[in-house]
């Protein structure tokens, strides 16, 4: 495991690191590593087999009730299991 000292980051960046650590319930070190990996294009290191991701988070709360109902109807067939395919 390598150790690296980073100097010169401003208060705004320090606040963002602390906010990420607090929000995710992780250490400051893990928060910094997550941000470094993401910035280097290596992913954020937090995803696993049970992680859904956040790429659609910007859509949360943007649909009307009618749009949500329409999407629900469009996806209804996907919730049906074809038993013949599992035999």
N, C-alpha and C. Protein backbone atom coordinates (compact mmCIF):
# COMPACT_ATOMS: atom_id res chain seq x y z
N UNK A 1 0.85 -1.18 0.00
CA UNK A 1 0.00 0.00 0.00
C UNK A 1 0.90 1.24 0.00
N UNK A 2 0.65 2.14 -0.91
CA UNK A 2 1.44 3.37 -1.01
C UNK A 2 0.86 4.47 -0.15
N UNK A 3 1.73 5.37 0.24
CA UNK A 3 1.32 6.54 1.01
C UNK A 3 1.72 7.77 0.22
N UNK A 4 0.85 8.77 0.22
CA UNK A 4 1.07 9.98 -0.55
C UNK A 4 0.56 11.16 0.25
N UNK A 5 1.35 12.21 0.32
CA UNK A 5 0.93 13.43 1.01
C UNK A 5 0.48 14.44 -0.03
N UNK A 6 -0.69 15.01 0.17
CA UNK A 6 -1.22 16.00 -0.76
C UNK A 6 -1.35 17.33 -0.03
N UNK A 7 -0.81 18.36 -0.65
CA UNK A 7 -0.87 19.70 -0.06
C UNK A 7 -1.54 20.65 -1.05
N UNK A 8 -2.07 21.72 -0.52
CA UNK A 8 -2.54 22.81 -1.35
C UNK A 8 -3.98 22.76 -1.80
N UNK A 9 -4.79 21.86 -1.25
CA UNK A 9 -6.19 21.89 -1.65
C UNK A 9 -6.93 22.93 -0.83
N UNK A 10 -7.90 23.56 -1.47
CA UNK A 10 -8.60 24.69 -0.85
C UNK A 10 -9.74 24.23 0.06
N UNK A 11 -10.34 25.21 0.73
CA UNK A 11 -11.42 24.92 1.68
C UNK A 11 -12.63 24.28 1.01
N UNK A 12 -12.92 24.72 -0.21
CA UNK A 12 -14.07 24.17 -0.93
C UNK A 12 -13.89 22.67 -1.17
N UNK A 13 -12.70 22.27 -1.61
CA UNK A 13 -12.43 20.85 -1.83
C UNK A 13 -12.46 20.08 -0.52
N UNK A 14 -11.88 20.64 0.52
CA UNK A 14 -11.90 19.98 1.83
C UNK A 14 -13.33 19.78 2.31
N UNK A 15 -14.18 20.78 2.08
CA UNK A 15 -15.59 20.66 2.47
C UNK A 15 -16.30 19.56 1.69
N UNK A 16 -15.99 19.44 0.40
CA UNK A 16 -16.61 18.40 -0.42
C UNK A 16 -16.16 17.01 0.04
N UNK A 17 -14.89 16.90 0.38
CA UNK A 17 -14.38 15.61 0.86
C UNK A 17 -15.07 15.23 2.16
N UNK A 18 -15.17 16.18 3.07
CA UNK A 18 -15.84 15.91 4.35
C UNK A 18 -17.31 15.56 4.15
N UNK A 19 -17.97 16.26 3.23
CA UNK A 19 -19.39 15.99 2.95
C UNK A 19 -19.57 14.58 2.39
N UNK A 20 -18.69 14.18 1.47
CA UNK A 20 -18.77 12.83 0.91
C UNK A 20 -18.57 11.79 2.00
N UNK A 21 -17.57 12.00 2.84
CA UNK A 21 -17.28 11.05 3.92
C UNK A 21 -18.47 10.94 4.87
N UNK A 22 -19.05 12.06 5.20
CA UNK A 22 -20.20 12.08 6.12
C UNK A 22 -21.41 11.40 5.47
N UNK A 23 -21.69 11.75 4.22
CA UNK A 23 -22.84 11.21 3.50
C UNK A 23 -22.73 9.69 3.32
N UNK A 24 -21.54 9.20 3.00
CA UNK A 24 -21.33 7.78 2.74
C UNK A 24 -20.96 7.00 3.99
N UNK A 25 -20.71 7.70 5.10
CA UNK A 25 -20.31 7.02 6.32
C UNK A 25 -18.95 6.36 6.21
N UNK A 26 -18.02 7.03 5.51
CA UNK A 26 -16.68 6.49 5.30
C UNK A 26 -15.64 7.46 5.86
N UNK A 27 -14.41 7.01 5.95
CA UNK A 27 -13.33 7.86 6.46
C UNK A 27 -12.97 8.92 5.42
N UNK A 28 -12.28 9.96 5.87
CA UNK A 28 -11.79 10.98 4.94
C UNK A 28 -10.85 10.36 3.93
N UNK A 29 -10.01 9.44 4.37
CA UNK A 29 -9.08 8.78 3.47
C UNK A 29 -9.82 8.05 2.36
N UNK A 30 -10.85 7.28 2.72
CA UNK A 30 -11.63 6.56 1.70
C UNK A 30 -12.32 7.53 0.76
N UNK A 31 -12.82 8.64 1.29
CA UNK A 31 -13.48 9.64 0.45
C UNK A 31 -12.50 10.21 -0.57
N UNK A 32 -11.29 10.52 -0.14
CA UNK A 32 -10.28 11.06 -1.05
C UNK A 32 -9.91 10.02 -2.11
N UNK A 33 -9.71 8.78 -1.69
CA UNK A 33 -9.38 7.72 -2.65
C UNK A 33 -10.50 7.54 -3.67
N UNK A 34 -11.74 7.58 -3.22
CA UNK A 34 -12.87 7.43 -4.13
C UNK A 34 -12.87 8.55 -5.17
N UNK A 35 -12.64 9.78 -4.71
CA UNK A 35 -12.62 10.91 -5.63
C UNK A 35 -11.43 10.85 -6.59
N UNK A 36 -10.28 10.42 -6.09
CA UNK A 36 -9.11 10.29 -6.96
C UNK A 36 -9.33 9.23 -8.04
N UNK A 37 -9.89 8.09 -7.66
CA UNK A 37 -10.16 7.04 -8.63
C UNK A 37 -11.16 7.51 -9.68
N UNK A 38 -12.19 8.18 -9.23
CA UNK A 38 -13.20 8.69 -10.16
C UNK A 38 -12.56 9.70 -11.12
N UNK A 39 -11.76 10.60 -10.60
CA UNK A 39 -11.11 11.61 -11.42
C UNK A 39 -10.11 11.02 -12.40
N UNK A 40 -9.52 9.88 -12.04
CA UNK A 40 -8.55 9.22 -12.92
C UNK A 40 -9.23 8.29 -13.92
N UNK A 41 -10.57 8.25 -13.89
CA UNK A 41 -11.29 7.40 -14.82
C UNK A 41 -11.26 5.93 -14.46
N UNK A 42 -11.01 5.63 -13.20
CA UNK A 42 -10.92 4.24 -12.74
C UNK A 42 -12.18 3.79 -12.00
N UNK A 43 -13.25 4.55 -12.08
CA UNK A 43 -14.43 4.24 -11.29
C UNK A 43 -14.21 4.79 -9.90
N UNK A 44 -15.20 4.64 -9.05
CA UNK A 44 -15.04 5.21 -7.71
C UNK A 44 -14.72 4.18 -6.65
N UNK A 45 -14.63 2.92 -7.03
CA UNK A 45 -14.25 1.89 -6.08
C UNK A 45 -15.35 1.51 -5.12
N UNK A 46 -16.54 2.10 -5.27
CA UNK A 46 -17.62 1.80 -4.33
C UNK A 46 -18.63 0.82 -4.89
N UNK A 47 -18.53 0.51 -6.18
CA UNK A 47 -19.54 -0.35 -6.77
C UNK A 47 -19.19 -1.82 -6.56
N UNK A 48 -20.21 -2.56 -6.33
CA UNK A 48 -20.08 -4.00 -6.16
C UNK A 48 -21.27 -4.66 -6.82
N UNK A 49 -21.46 -5.94 -6.59
CA UNK A 49 -22.55 -6.64 -7.26
C UNK A 49 -23.94 -6.13 -6.86
N UNK A 50 -24.06 -5.51 -5.70
CA UNK A 50 -25.36 -5.02 -5.24
C UNK A 50 -25.54 -3.52 -5.48
N UNK A 51 -24.59 -2.90 -6.15
CA UNK A 51 -24.65 -1.46 -6.38
C UNK A 51 -25.40 -1.17 -7.67
N UNK A 52 -26.37 -0.30 -7.59
CA UNK A 52 -27.16 0.06 -8.75
C UNK A 52 -26.48 1.17 -9.53
N UNK A 53 -25.93 2.14 -8.85
CA UNK A 53 -25.29 3.27 -9.52
C UNK A 53 -26.13 4.53 -9.39
N UNK A 54 -25.59 5.61 -9.87
CA UNK A 54 -26.27 6.89 -9.72
C UNK A 54 -26.43 7.65 -11.03
N UNK A 55 -26.26 6.96 -12.15
CA UNK A 55 -26.28 7.64 -13.44
C UNK A 55 -27.64 8.22 -13.80
N UNK A 56 -28.70 7.76 -13.17
CA UNK A 56 -30.04 8.28 -13.46
C UNK A 56 -30.58 9.16 -12.33
N UNK A 57 -29.77 9.45 -11.34
CA UNK A 57 -30.23 10.23 -10.19
C UNK A 57 -30.76 11.61 -10.58
N UNK A 58 -30.23 12.17 -11.65
CA UNK A 58 -30.69 13.49 -12.07
C UNK A 58 -32.15 13.49 -12.53
N UNK A 59 -32.71 12.31 -12.76
CA UNK A 59 -34.11 12.20 -13.18
C UNK A 59 -35.08 12.07 -12.01
N UNK A 60 -34.57 11.82 -10.83
CA UNK A 60 -35.44 11.61 -9.67
C UNK A 60 -36.28 12.85 -9.43
N UNK A 61 -37.58 12.64 -9.35
CA UNK A 61 -38.50 13.73 -9.06
C UNK A 61 -38.85 14.60 -10.25
N UNK A 62 -38.44 14.22 -11.46
CA UNK A 62 -38.71 15.08 -12.62
C UNK A 62 -39.94 14.67 -13.40
N UNK A 63 -40.45 13.45 -13.21
CA UNK A 63 -41.62 12.99 -13.95
C UNK A 63 -42.90 13.40 -13.24
N UNK A 64 -43.92 13.63 -14.04
CA UNK A 64 -45.25 13.85 -13.46
C UNK A 64 -45.81 12.49 -13.07
N UNK A 65 -46.91 12.50 -12.32
CA UNK A 65 -47.56 11.25 -11.93
C UNK A 65 -48.01 10.47 -13.17
N UNK A 66 -48.49 11.18 -14.17
CA UNK A 66 -48.95 10.53 -15.40
C UNK A 66 -47.78 9.86 -16.13
N UNK A 67 -46.64 10.54 -16.19
CA UNK A 67 -45.46 9.96 -16.84
C UNK A 67 -44.97 8.72 -16.09
N UNK A 68 -45.01 8.78 -14.77
CA UNK A 68 -44.61 7.64 -13.96
C UNK A 68 -45.54 6.45 -14.18
N UNK A 69 -46.84 6.72 -14.24
CA UNK A 69 -47.81 5.65 -14.49
C UNK A 69 -47.61 5.05 -15.87
N UNK A 70 -47.34 5.89 -16.86
CA UNK A 70 -47.10 5.40 -18.22
C UNK A 70 -45.87 4.49 -18.26
N UNK A 71 -44.81 4.88 -17.58
CA UNK A 71 -43.60 4.06 -17.53
C UNK A 71 -43.90 2.73 -16.81
N UNK A 72 -44.67 2.78 -15.74
CA UNK A 72 -45.05 1.57 -15.03
C UNK A 72 -45.79 0.60 -15.92
N UNK A 73 -46.71 1.13 -16.73
CA UNK A 73 -47.45 0.27 -17.66
C UNK A 73 -46.50 -0.31 -18.72
N UNK A 74 -45.58 0.50 -19.21
CA UNK A 74 -44.65 0.04 -20.24
C UNK A 74 -43.73 -1.07 -19.72
N UNK A 75 -43.41 -1.03 -18.43
CA UNK A 75 -42.49 -2.00 -17.84
C UNK A 75 -43.19 -3.20 -17.21
N UNK A 76 -44.51 -3.19 -17.17
CA UNK A 76 -45.26 -4.24 -16.48
C UNK A 76 -44.92 -5.63 -17.02
N UNK A 77 -44.78 -5.76 -18.33
CA UNK A 77 -44.47 -7.08 -18.90
C UNK A 77 -43.12 -7.62 -18.42
N UNK A 78 -42.22 -6.73 -18.06
CA UNK A 78 -40.89 -7.17 -17.62
C UNK A 78 -40.91 -7.83 -16.25
N UNK A 79 -41.99 -7.66 -15.51
CA UNK A 79 -42.06 -8.28 -14.18
C UNK A 79 -42.65 -9.69 -14.24
N UNK A 80 -43.07 -10.13 -15.41
CA UNK A 80 -43.62 -11.47 -15.57
C UNK A 80 -42.49 -12.46 -15.83
N UNK A 81 -42.47 -13.55 -15.08
CA UNK A 81 -41.46 -14.59 -15.24
C UNK A 81 -42.00 -15.66 -16.17
N UNK A 82 -41.26 -15.98 -17.20
CA UNK A 82 -41.62 -17.05 -18.12
C UNK A 82 -41.06 -18.35 -17.54
N UNK A 83 -41.93 -19.12 -16.90
CA UNK A 83 -41.52 -20.35 -16.20
C UNK A 83 -40.84 -21.34 -17.15
N UNK A 84 -41.26 -21.37 -18.41
CA UNK A 84 -40.67 -22.31 -19.36
C UNK A 84 -39.19 -22.04 -19.60
N UNK A 85 -38.78 -20.81 -19.44
CA UNK A 85 -37.37 -20.47 -19.66
C UNK A 85 -36.49 -20.92 -18.49
N UNK A 86 -37.07 -21.25 -17.36
CA UNK A 86 -36.30 -21.60 -16.17
C UNK A 86 -36.29 -23.10 -15.92
N UNK A 87 -36.72 -23.87 -16.86
CA UNK A 87 -36.75 -25.33 -16.68
C UNK A 87 -35.63 -25.97 -17.45
